[in-house]
């Protein structure tokens, strides 16, 4: 159970990663490119909030709880980094 708890942040990041690239691919293929930045932005906010909640709940000196918070912190950085692509790169270019 501790390993699953430590992986919570990575699970949130992986779900975000798959969702945003799936949405972008589907929307661009169907001609809905104008919706891509908004949906990816919303998914990024939700995933970042989930990672932040994991950090806040598990921040503790106990090793497995601390490791859970640290991994979720790294996942939060990755989530924000992926979300920034919406601002820097054209959606369906």
PDB file of N, CA and C in Angstrom:
ATOM      1  N   UNK A   1       0.820  -1.194   0.000  1.00  0.00           N
ATOM      2  CA  UNK A   1       0.000   0.000   0.000  1.00  0.00           C
ATOM      3  C   UNK A   1       0.863   1.257   0.000  1.00  0.00           C
ATOM      4  N   UNK A   2       2.006   1.204   0.664  1.00  0.00           N
ATOM      5  CA  UNK A   2       2.867   2.377   0.723  1.00  0.00           C
ATOM      6  C   UNK A   2       3.406   2.737  -0.656  1.00  0.00           C
ATOM      7  N   UNK A   3       3.734   1.734  -1.459  1.00  0.00           N
ATOM      8  CA  UNK A   3       4.238   2.027  -2.804  1.00  0.00           C
ATOM      9  C   UNK A   3       3.166   2.665  -3.669  1.00  0.00           C
ATOM     10  N   UNK A   4       1.944   2.228  -3.521  1.00  0.00           N
ATOM     11  CA  UNK A   4       0.843   2.840  -4.267  1.00  0.00           C
ATOM     12  C   UNK A   4       0.646   4.280  -3.826  1.00  0.00           C
ATOM     13  N   UNK A   5       0.729   4.519  -2.525  1.00  0.00           N
ATOM     14  CA  UNK A   5       0.581   5.885  -2.016  1.00  0.00           C
ATOM     15  C   UNK A   5       1.692   6.769  -2.530  1.00  0.00           C
ATOM     16  N   UNK A   6       2.910   6.267  -2.570  1.00  0.00           N
ATOM     17  CA  UNK A   6       4.029   7.053  -3.088  1.00  0.00           C
ATOM     18  C   UNK A   6       3.816   7.383  -4.558  1.00  0.00           C
ATOM     19  N   UNK A   7       3.160   6.502  -5.290  1.00  0.00           N
ATOM     20  CA  UNK A   7       2.946   6.700  -6.725  1.00  0.00           C
ATOM     21  C   UNK A   7       1.744   7.583  -7.046  1.00  0.00           C
ATOM     22  N   UNK A   8       0.992   8.067  -6.070  1.00  0.00           N
ATOM     23  CA  UNK A   8      -0.184   8.886  -6.344  1.00  0.00           C
ATOM     24  C   UNK A   8       0.136  10.057  -7.268  1.00  0.00           C
ATOM     25  N   UNK A   9       1.198  10.772  -7.015  1.00  0.00           N
ATOM     26  CA  UNK A   9       1.561  11.923  -7.842  1.00  0.00           C
ATOM     27  C   UNK A   9       1.871  11.522  -9.276  1.00  0.00           C
ATOM     28  N   UNK A  10       2.567  10.414  -9.439  1.00  0.00           N
ATOM     29  CA  UNK A  10       2.896   9.928 -10.780  1.00  0.00           C
ATOM     30  C   UNK A  10       1.626   9.494 -11.510  1.00  0.00           C
ATOM     31  N   UNK A  11       0.694   8.920 -10.791  1.00  0.00           N
ATOM     32  CA  UNK A  11      -0.576   8.509 -11.395  1.00  0.00           C
ATOM     33  C   UNK A  11      -1.350   9.733 -11.888  1.00  0.00           C
ATOM     34  N   UNK A  12      -1.384  10.784 -11.083  1.00  0.00           N
ATOM     35  CA  UNK A  12      -2.049  12.026 -11.500  1.00  0.00           C
ATOM     36  C   UNK A  12      -1.350  12.606 -12.721  1.00  0.00           C
ATOM     37  N   UNK A  13      -0.022  12.642 -12.716  1.00  0.00           N
ATOM     38  CA  UNK A  13       0.725  13.155 -13.862  1.00  0.00           C
ATOM     39  C   UNK A  13       0.449  12.330 -15.116  1.00  0.00           C
ATOM     40  N   UNK A  14       0.460  11.009 -15.008  1.00  0.00           N
ATOM     41  CA  UNK A  14       0.237  10.146 -16.171  1.00  0.00           C
ATOM     42  C   UNK A  14      -1.173  10.336 -16.730  1.00  0.00           C
ATOM     43  N   UNK A  15      -2.157  10.467 -15.849  1.00  0.00           N
ATOM     44  CA  UNK A  15      -3.527  10.703 -16.310  1.00  0.00           C
ATOM     45  C   UNK A  15      -3.614  12.042 -17.036  1.00  0.00           C
ATOM     46  N   UNK A  16      -2.969  13.052 -16.488  1.00  0.00           N
ATOM     47  CA  UNK A  16      -2.951  14.378 -17.125  1.00  0.00           C
ATOM     48  C   UNK A  16      -2.268  14.309 -18.475  1.00  0.00           C
ATOM     49  N   UNK A  17      -1.137  13.660 -18.528  1.00  0.00           N
ATOM     50  CA  UNK A  17      -0.364  13.540 -19.771  1.00  0.00           C
ATOM     51  C   UNK A  17      -1.194  12.867 -20.859  1.00  0.00           C
ATOM     52  N   UNK A  18      -1.778  11.725 -20.535  1.00  0.00           N
ATOM     53  CA  UNK A  18      -2.593  11.013 -21.517  1.00  0.00           C
ATOM     54  C   UNK A  18      -3.818  11.808 -21.936  1.00  0.00           C
ATOM     55  N   UNK A  19      -4.444  12.473 -20.985  1.00  0.00           N
ATOM     56  CA  UNK A  19      -5.646  13.235 -21.280  1.00  0.00           C
ATOM     57  C   UNK A  19      -5.360  14.420 -22.193  1.00  0.00           C
ATOM     58  N   UNK A  20      -4.336  15.190 -21.886  1.00  0.00           N
ATOM     59  CA  UNK A  20      -4.110  16.391 -22.701  1.00  0.00           C
ATOM     60  C   UNK A  20      -3.662  16.039 -24.113  1.00  0.00           C
ATOM     61  N   UNK A  21      -2.839  15.026 -24.260  1.00  0.00           N
ATOM     62  CA  UNK A  21      -2.417  14.666 -25.606  1.00  0.00           C
ATOM     63  C   UNK A  21      -3.523  13.938 -26.357  1.00  0.00           C
ATOM     64  N   UNK A  22      -4.349  13.200 -25.664  1.00  0.00           N
ATOM     65  CA  UNK A  22      -5.509  12.572 -26.291  1.00  0.00           C
ATOM     66  C   UNK A  22      -6.510  13.620 -26.761  1.00  0.00           C
ATOM     67  N   UNK A  23      -6.792  14.599 -25.911  1.00  0.00           N
ATOM     68  CA  UNK A  23      -7.705  15.678 -26.270  1.00  0.00           C
ATOM     69  C   UNK A  23      -7.156  16.458 -27.453  1.00  0.00           C
ATOM     70  N   UNK A  24      -5.878  16.808 -27.399  1.00  0.00           N
ATOM     71  CA  UNK A  24      -5.284  17.585 -28.496  1.00  0.00           C
ATOM     72  C   UNK A  24      -5.343  16.814 -29.807  1.00  0.00           C
ATOM     73  N   UNK A  25      -4.998  15.561 -29.778  1.00  0.00           N
ATOM     74  CA  UNK A  25      -5.022  14.762 -30.997  1.00  0.00           C
ATOM     75  C   UNK A  25      -6.416  14.612 -31.565  1.00  0.00           C
ATOM     76  N   UNK A  26      -7.389  14.316 -30.701  1.00  0.00           N
ATOM     77  CA  UNK A  26      -8.758  14.128 -31.151  1.00  0.00           C
ATOM     78  C   UNK A  26      -9.347  15.436 -31.663  1.00  0.00           C
ATOM     79  N   UNK A  27      -9.158  16.519 -30.904  1.00  0.00           N
ATOM     80  CA  UNK A  27      -9.742  17.804 -31.288  1.00  0.00           C
ATOM     81  C   UNK A  27      -9.120  18.325 -32.583  1.00  0.00           C
ATOM     82  N   UNK A  28      -7.842  18.183 -32.741  1.00  0.00           N
ATOM     83  CA  UNK A  28      -7.195  18.654 -33.966  1.00  0.00           C
ATOM     84  C   UNK A  28      -7.619  17.816 -35.170  1.00  0.00           C
ATOM     85  N   UNK A  29      -7.788  16.528 -34.973  1.00  0.00           N
ATOM     86  CA  UNK A  29      -8.208  15.663 -36.079  1.00  0.00           C
ATOM     87  C   UNK A  29      -9.639  15.954 -36.503  1.00  0.00           C
ATOM     88  N   UNK A  30     -10.480  16.384 -35.575  1.00  0.00           N
ATOM     89  CA  UNK A  30     -11.891  16.643 -35.873  1.00  0.00           C
ATOM     90  C   UNK A  30     -12.174  18.108 -36.201  1.00  0.00           C
ATOM     91  N   UNK A  31     -11.147  18.971 -36.183  1.00  0.00           N
ATOM     92  CA  UNK A  31     -11.349  20.383 -36.519  1.00  0.00           C
ATOM     93  C   UNK A  31     -11.813  21.259 -35.371  1.00  0.00           C
ATOM     94  N   UNK A  32     -11.587  20.827 -34.141  1.00  0.00           N
ATOM     95  CA  UNK A  32     -11.972  21.615 -32.972  1.00  0.00           C
ATOM     96  C   UNK A  32     -10.748  22.218 -32.278  1.00  0.00           C
ATOM     97  N   UNK A  33      -9.814  22.707 -33.044  1.00  0.00           N
ATOM     98  CA  UNK A  33      -8.567  23.227 -32.491  1.00  0.00           C
ATOM     99  C   UNK A  33      -8.734  24.384 -31.536  1.00  0.00           C
ATOM    100  N   UNK A  34      -9.808  25.165 -31.696  1.00  0.00           N
ATOM    101  CA  UNK A  34     -10.016  26.320 -30.818  1.00  0.00           C
ATOM    102  C   UNK A  34     -10.364  25.902 -29.392  1.00  0.00           C
ATOM    103  N   UNK A  35     -10.825  24.684 -29.209  1.00  0.00           N
ATOM    104  CA  UNK A  35     -11.176  24.209 -27.868  1.00  0.00           C
ATOM    105  C   UNK A  35      -9.980  23.624 -27.118  1.00  0.00           C
ATOM    106  N   UNK A  36      -8.899  23.347 -27.827  1.00  0.00           N
ATOM    107  CA  UNK A  36      -7.756  22.680 -27.211  1.00  0.00           C
ATOM    108  C   UNK A  36      -7.145  23.475 -26.059  1.00  0.00           C
ATOM    109  N   UNK A  37      -6.838  24.770 -26.223  1.00  0.00           N
ATOM    110  CA  UNK A  37      -6.214  25.483 -25.093  1.00  0.00           C
ATOM    111  C   UNK A  37      -7.083  25.510 -23.838  1.00  0.00           C
ATOM    112  N   UNK A  38      -8.391  25.659 -24.011  1.00  0.00           N
ATOM    113  CA  UNK A  38      -9.274  25.730 -22.849  1.00  0.00           C
ATOM    114  C   UNK A  38      -9.389  24.397 -22.133  1.00  0.00           C
ATOM    115  N   UNK A  39      -9.513  23.326 -22.882  1.00  0.00           N
ATOM    116  CA  UNK A  39      -9.650  22.021 -22.233  1.00  0.00           C
ATOM    117  C   UNK A  39      -8.347  21.583 -21.589  1.00  0.00           C
ATOM    118  N   UNK A  40      -7.250  21.852 -22.252  1.00  0.00           N
ATOM    119  CA  UNK A  40      -5.955  21.500 -21.658  1.00  0.00           C
ATOM    120  C   UNK A  40      -5.680  22.372 -20.439  1.00  0.00           C
ATOM    121  N   UNK A  41      -6.037  23.636 -20.517  1.00  0.00           N
ATOM    122  CA  UNK A  41      -5.878  24.514 -19.357  1.00  0.00           C
ATOM    123  C   UNK A  41      -6.683  24.034 -18.165  1.00  0.00           C
ATOM    124  N   UNK A  42      -7.931  23.633 -18.422  1.00  0.00           N
ATOM    125  CA  UNK A  42      -8.781  23.127 -17.333  1.00  0.00           C
ATOM    126  C   UNK A  42      -8.224  21.824 -16.760  1.00  0.00           C
ATOM    127  N   UNK A  43      -7.774  20.926 -17.633  1.00  0.00           N
ATOM    128  CA  UNK A  43      -7.198  19.662 -17.163  1.00  0.00           C
ATOM    129  C   UNK A  43      -5.938  19.909 -16.345  1.00  0.00           C
ATOM    130  N   UNK A  44      -5.157  20.904 -16.749  1.00  0.00           N
ATOM    131  CA  UNK A  44      -3.924  21.234 -16.018  1.00  0.00           C
ATOM    132  C   UNK A  44      -4.243  21.792 -14.637  1.00  0.00           C
ATOM    133  N   UNK A  45      -5.246  22.638 -14.553  1.00  0.00           N
ATOM    134  CA  UNK A  45      -5.637  23.196 -13.244  1.00  0.00           C
ATOM    135  C   UNK A  45      -6.124  22.085 -12.309  1.00  0.00           C
ATOM    136  N   UNK A  46      -6.937  21.173 -12.831  1.00  0.00           N
ATOM    137  CA  UNK A  46      -7.457  20.072 -12.010  1.00  0.00           C
ATOM    138  C   UNK A  46      -6.321  19.161 -11.547  1.00  0.00           C
ATOM    139  N   UNK A  47      -5.425  18.806 -12.463  1.00  0.00           N
ATOM    140  CA  UNK A  47      -4.310  17.917 -12.102  1.00  0.00           C
ATOM    141  C   UNK A  47      -3.359  18.602 -11.118  1.00  0.00           C
ATOM    142  N   UNK A  48      -3.096  19.885 -11.332  1.00  0.00           N
ATOM    143  CA  UNK A  48      -2.213  20.615 -10.412  1.00  0.00           C
ATOM    144  C   UNK A  48      -2.851  20.701  -9.018  1.00  0.00           C
ATOM    145  N   UNK A  49      -4.153  20.900  -8.974  1.00  0.00           N
ATOM    146  CA  UNK A  49      -4.849  20.935  -7.676  1.00  0.00           C
ATOM    147  C   UNK A  49      -4.784  19.565  -6.990  1.00  0.00           C
ATOM    148  N   UNK A  50      -4.934  18.506  -7.764  1.00  0.00           N
ATOM    149  CA  UNK A  50      -4.852  17.158  -7.186  1.00  0.00           C
ATOM    150  C   UNK A  50      -3.447  16.892  -6.642  1.00  0.00           C
ATOM    151  N   UNK A  51      -2.427  17.258  -7.403  1.00  0.00           N
ATOM    152  CA  UNK A  51      -1.052  17.061  -6.932  1.00  0.00           C
ATOM    153  C   UNK A  51      -0.777  17.920  -5.702  1.00  0.00           C
ATOM    154  N   UNK A  52      -1.287  19.151  -5.709  1.00  0.00           N
ATOM    155  CA  UNK A  52      -1.129  20.017  -4.538  1.00  0.00           C
ATOM    156  C   UNK A  52      -1.811  19.448  -3.307  1.00  0.00           C
ATOM    157  N   UNK A  53      -2.983  18.868  -3.498  1.00  0.00           N
ATOM    158  CA  UNK A  53      -3.692  18.249  -2.373  1.00  0.00           C
ATOM    159  C   UNK A  53      -2.911  17.057  -1.833  1.00  0.00           C
ATOM    160  N   UNK A  54      -2.337  16.268  -2.722  1.00  0.00           N
ATOM    161  CA  UNK A  54      -1.522  15.131  -2.277  1.00  0.00           C
ATOM    162  C   UNK A  54      -0.347  15.627  -1.450  1.00  0.00           C
ATOM    163  N   UNK A  55       0.268  16.707  -1.903  1.00  0.00           N
ATOM    164  CA  UNK A  55       1.411  17.266  -1.170  1.00  0.00           C
ATOM    165  C   UNK A  55       0.968  17.711   0.223  1.00  0.00           C
ATOM    166  N   UNK A  56      -0.112  18.453   0.291  1.00  0.00           N
ATOM    167  CA  UNK A  56      -0.569  18.982   1.584  1.00  0.00           C
ATOM    168  C   UNK A  56      -0.985  17.879   2.552  1.00  0.00           C
ATOM    169  N   UNK A  57      -1.650  16.860   2.043  1.00  0.00           N
ATOM    170  CA  UNK A  57      -2.131  15.781   2.914  1.00  0.00           C
ATOM    171  C   UNK A  57      -0.978  14.921   3.429  1.00  0.00           C
ATOM    172  N   UNK A  58       0.034  14.723   2.599  1.00  0.00           N
ATOM    173  CA  UNK A  58       1.089  13.774   2.959  1.00  0.00           C
ATOM    174  C   UNK A  58       2.379  14.418   3.460  1.00  0.00           C
ATOM    175  N   UNK A  59       2.397  15.719   3.615  1.00  0.00           N
ATOM    176  CA  UNK A  59       3.612  16.378   4.102  1.00  0.00           C
ATOM    177  C   UNK A  59       3.794  16.066   5.582  1.00  0.00           C
ATOM    178  N   UNK A  60       4.789  15.248   5.869  1.00  0.00           N
ATOM    179  CA  UNK A  60       5.016  14.755   7.220  1.00  0.00           C
ATOM    180  C   UNK A  60       6.453  14.246   7.309  1.00  0.00           C
ATOM    181  N   UNK A  61       7.020  14.224   8.500  1.00  0.00           N
ATOM    182  CA  UNK A  61       8.384  13.700   8.632  1.00  0.00           C
ATOM    183  C   UNK A  61       8.492  12.184   8.440  1.00  0.00           C
ATOM    184  N   UNK A  62       7.367  11.471   8.502  1.00  0.00           N
ATOM    185  CA  UNK A  62       7.421  10.027   8.262  1.00  0.00           C
ATOM    186  C   UNK A  62       7.881   9.787   6.822  1.00  0.00           C
ATOM    187  N   UNK A  63       8.780   8.814   6.645  1.00  0.00           N
ATOM    188  CA  UNK A  63       9.438   8.640   5.349  1.00  0.00           C
ATOM    189  C   UNK A  63       8.477   8.413   4.202  1.00  0.00           C
ATOM    190  N   UNK A  64       7.546   7.483   4.311  1.00  0.00           N
ATOM    191  CA  UNK A  64       6.678   7.194   3.162  1.00  0.00           C
ATOM    192  C   UNK A  64       5.740   8.366   2.862  1.00  0.00           C
ATOM    193  N   UNK A  65       5.292   9.065   3.869  1.00  0.00           N
ATOM    194  CA  UNK A  65       4.450  10.238   3.635  1.00  0.00           C
ATOM    195  C   UNK A  65       5.268  11.358   3.015  1.00  0.00           C
ATOM    196  N   UNK A  66       6.480  11.552   3.497  1.00  0.00           N
ATOM    197  CA  UNK A  66       7.352  12.581   2.935  1.00  0.00           C
ATOM    198  C   UNK A  66       7.688  12.257   1.483  1.00  0.00           C
ATOM    199  N   UNK A  67       7.975  10.990   1.197  1.00  0.00           N
ATOM    200  CA  UNK A  67       8.295  10.575  -0.166  1.00  0.00           C
ATOM    201  C   UNK A  67       7.090  10.771  -1.079  1.00  0.00           C
ATOM    202  N   UNK A  68       5.901  10.489  -0.579  1.00  0.00           N
ATOM    203  CA  UNK A  68       4.679  10.725  -1.359  1.00  0.00           C
ATOM    204  C   UNK A  68       4.565  12.196  -1.727  1.00  0.00           C
ATOM    205  N   UNK A  69       4.800  13.075  -0.760  1.00  0.00           N
ATOM    206  CA  UNK A  69       4.731  14.513  -1.017  1.00  0.00           C
ATOM    207  C   UNK A  69       5.828  14.952  -1.984  1.00  0.00           C
ATOM    208  N   UNK A  70       7.021  14.393  -1.855  1.00  0.00           N
ATOM    209  CA  UNK A  70       8.122  14.769  -2.745  1.00  0.00           C
ATOM    210  C   UNK A  70       7.865  14.332  -4.185  1.00  0.00           C
ATOM    211  N   UNK A  71       7.375  13.121  -4.362  1.00  0.00           N
ATOM    212  CA  UNK A  71       7.067  12.630  -5.708  1.00  0.00           C
ATOM    213  C   UNK A  71       5.922  13.444  -6.306  1.00  0.00           C
ATOM    214  N   UNK A  72       4.928  13.784  -5.499  1.00  0.00           N
ATOM    215  CA  UNK A  72       3.823  14.618  -5.980  1.00  0.00           C
ATOM    216  C   UNK A  72       4.324  16.014  -6.343  1.00  0.00           C
ATOM    217  N   UNK A  73       5.324  16.507  -5.628  1.00  0.00           N
ATOM    218  CA  UNK A  73       5.924  17.799  -5.972  1.00  0.00           C
ATOM    219  C   UNK A  73       6.603  17.751  -7.328  1.00  0.00           C
ATOM    220  N   UNK A  74       7.328  16.681  -7.589  1.00  0.00           N
ATOM    221  CA  UNK A  74       7.947  16.522  -8.911  1.00  0.00           C
ATOM    222  C   UNK A  74       6.883  16.370  -9.988  1.00  0.00           C
ATOM    223  N   UNK A  75       5.823  15.648  -9.684  1.00  0.00           N
ATOM    224  CA  UNK A  75       4.724  15.497 -10.636  1.00  0.00           C
ATOM    225  C   UNK A  75       4.059  16.847 -10.901  1.00  0.00           C
ATOM    226  N   UNK A  76       3.939  17.673  -9.884  1.00  0.00           N
ATOM    227  CA  UNK A  76       3.364  19.005 -10.050  1.00  0.00           C
ATOM    228  C   UNK A  76       4.201  19.846 -11.006  1.00  0.00           C
ATOM    229  N   UNK A  77       5.505  19.766 -10.874  1.00  0.00           N
ATOM    230  CA  UNK A  77       6.388  20.484 -11.810  1.00  0.00           C
ATOM    231  C   UNK A  77       6.159  19.988 -13.232  1.00  0.00           C
ATOM    232  N   UNK A  78       6.060  18.683 -13.425  1.00  0.00           N
ATOM    233  CA  UNK A  78       5.832  18.116 -14.752  1.00  0.00           C
ATOM    234  C   UNK A  78       4.469  18.524 -15.303  1.00  0.00           C
ATOM    235  N   UNK A  79       3.455  18.558 -14.469  1.00  0.00           N
ATOM    236  CA  UNK A  79       2.113  18.952 -14.893  1.00  0.00           C
ATOM    237  C   UNK A  79       2.109  20.405 -15.359  1.00  0.00           C
ATOM    238  N   UNK A  80       2.720  21.273 -14.591  1.00  0.00           N
ATOM    239  CA  UNK A  80       2.786  22.688 -14.976  1.00  0.00           C
ATOM    240  C   UNK A  80       3.595  22.850 -16.257  1.00  0.00           C
ATOM    241  N   UNK A  81       4.680  22.136 -16.382  1.00  0.00           N
ATOM    242  CA  UNK A  81       5.521  22.206 -17.579  1.00  0.00           C
ATOM    243  C   UNK A  81       4.733  21.789 -18.824  1.00  0.00           C
ATOM    244  N   UNK A  82       3.973  20.712 -18.710  1.00  0.00           N
ATOM    245  CA  UNK A  82       3.142  20.272 -19.837  1.00  0.00           C
ATOM    246  C   UNK A  82       2.059  21.289 -20.151  1.00  0.00           C
ATOM    247  N   UNK A  83       1.482  21.882 -19.134  1.00  0.00           N
ATOM    248  CA  UNK A  83       0.430  22.876 -19.339  1.00  0.00           C
ATOM    249  C   UNK A  83       0.934  24.138 -19.990  1.00  0.00           C
ATOM    250  N   UNK A  84       2.201  24.481 -19.762  1.00  0.00           N
ATOM    251  CA  UNK A  84       2.778  25.675 -20.385  1.00  0.00           C
ATOM    252  C   UNK A  84       2.868  25.555 -21.900  1.00  0.00           C
ATOM    253  N   UNK A  85       2.905  24.348 -22.403  1.00  0.00           N
ATOM    254  CA  UNK A  85       2.984  24.150 -23.854  1.00  0.00           C
ATOM    255  C   UNK A  85       1.787  24.771 -24.560  1.00  0.00           C
ATOM    256  N   UNK A  86       0.637  24.827 -23.885  1.00  0.00           N
ATOM    257  CA  UNK A  86      -0.555  25.442 -24.464  1.00  0.00           C
ATOM    258  C   UNK A  86      -0.312  26.909 -24.755  1.00  0.00           C
ATOM    259  N   UNK A  87       0.450  27.545 -23.902  1.00  0.00           N
ATOM    260  CA  UNK A  87       0.719  28.982 -24.084  1.00  0.00           C
ATOM    261  C   UNK A  87       1.820  29.251 -25.102  1.00  0.00           C
ATOM    262  N   UNK A  88       2.671  28.281 -25.346  1.00  0.00           N
ATOM    263  CA  UNK A  88       3.851  28.510 -26.176  1.00  0.00           C
ATOM    264  C   UNK A  88       3.755  27.958 -27.590  1.00  0.00           C
ATOM    265  N   UNK A  89       2.940  26.945 -27.795  1.00  0.00           N
ATOM    266  CA  UNK A  89       2.911  26.240 -29.072  1.00  0.00           C
ATOM    267  C   UNK A  89       1.490  26.301 -29.637  1.00  0.00           C
ATOM    268  N   UNK A  90       1.348  26.543 -30.935  1.00  0.00           N
ATOM    269  CA  UNK A  90      -0.008  26.511 -31.510  1.00  0.00           C
ATOM    270  C   UNK A  90      -0.663  25.155 -31.304  1.00  0.00           C
ATOM    271  N   UNK A  91      -1.959  25.158 -31.042  1.00  0.00           N
ATOM    272  CA  UNK A  91      -2.674  23.933 -30.679  1.00  0.00           C
ATOM    273  C   UNK A  91      -2.619  22.885 -31.784  1.00  0.00           C
ATOM    274  N   UNK A  92      -2.921  23.243 -32.986  1.00  0.00           N
ATOM    275  CA  UNK A  92      -2.999  22.259 -34.069  1.00  0.00           C
ATOM    276  C   UNK A  92      -2.047  22.642 -35.196  1.00  0.00           C
ATOM    277  N   UNK A  93      -0.894  23.117 -34.854  1.00  0.00           N
ATOM    278  CA  UNK A  93       0.078  23.574 -35.856  1.00  0.00           C
ATOM    279  C   UNK A  93       0.788  22.475 -36.469  1.00  0.00           C
TER     280      UNK A  93
END
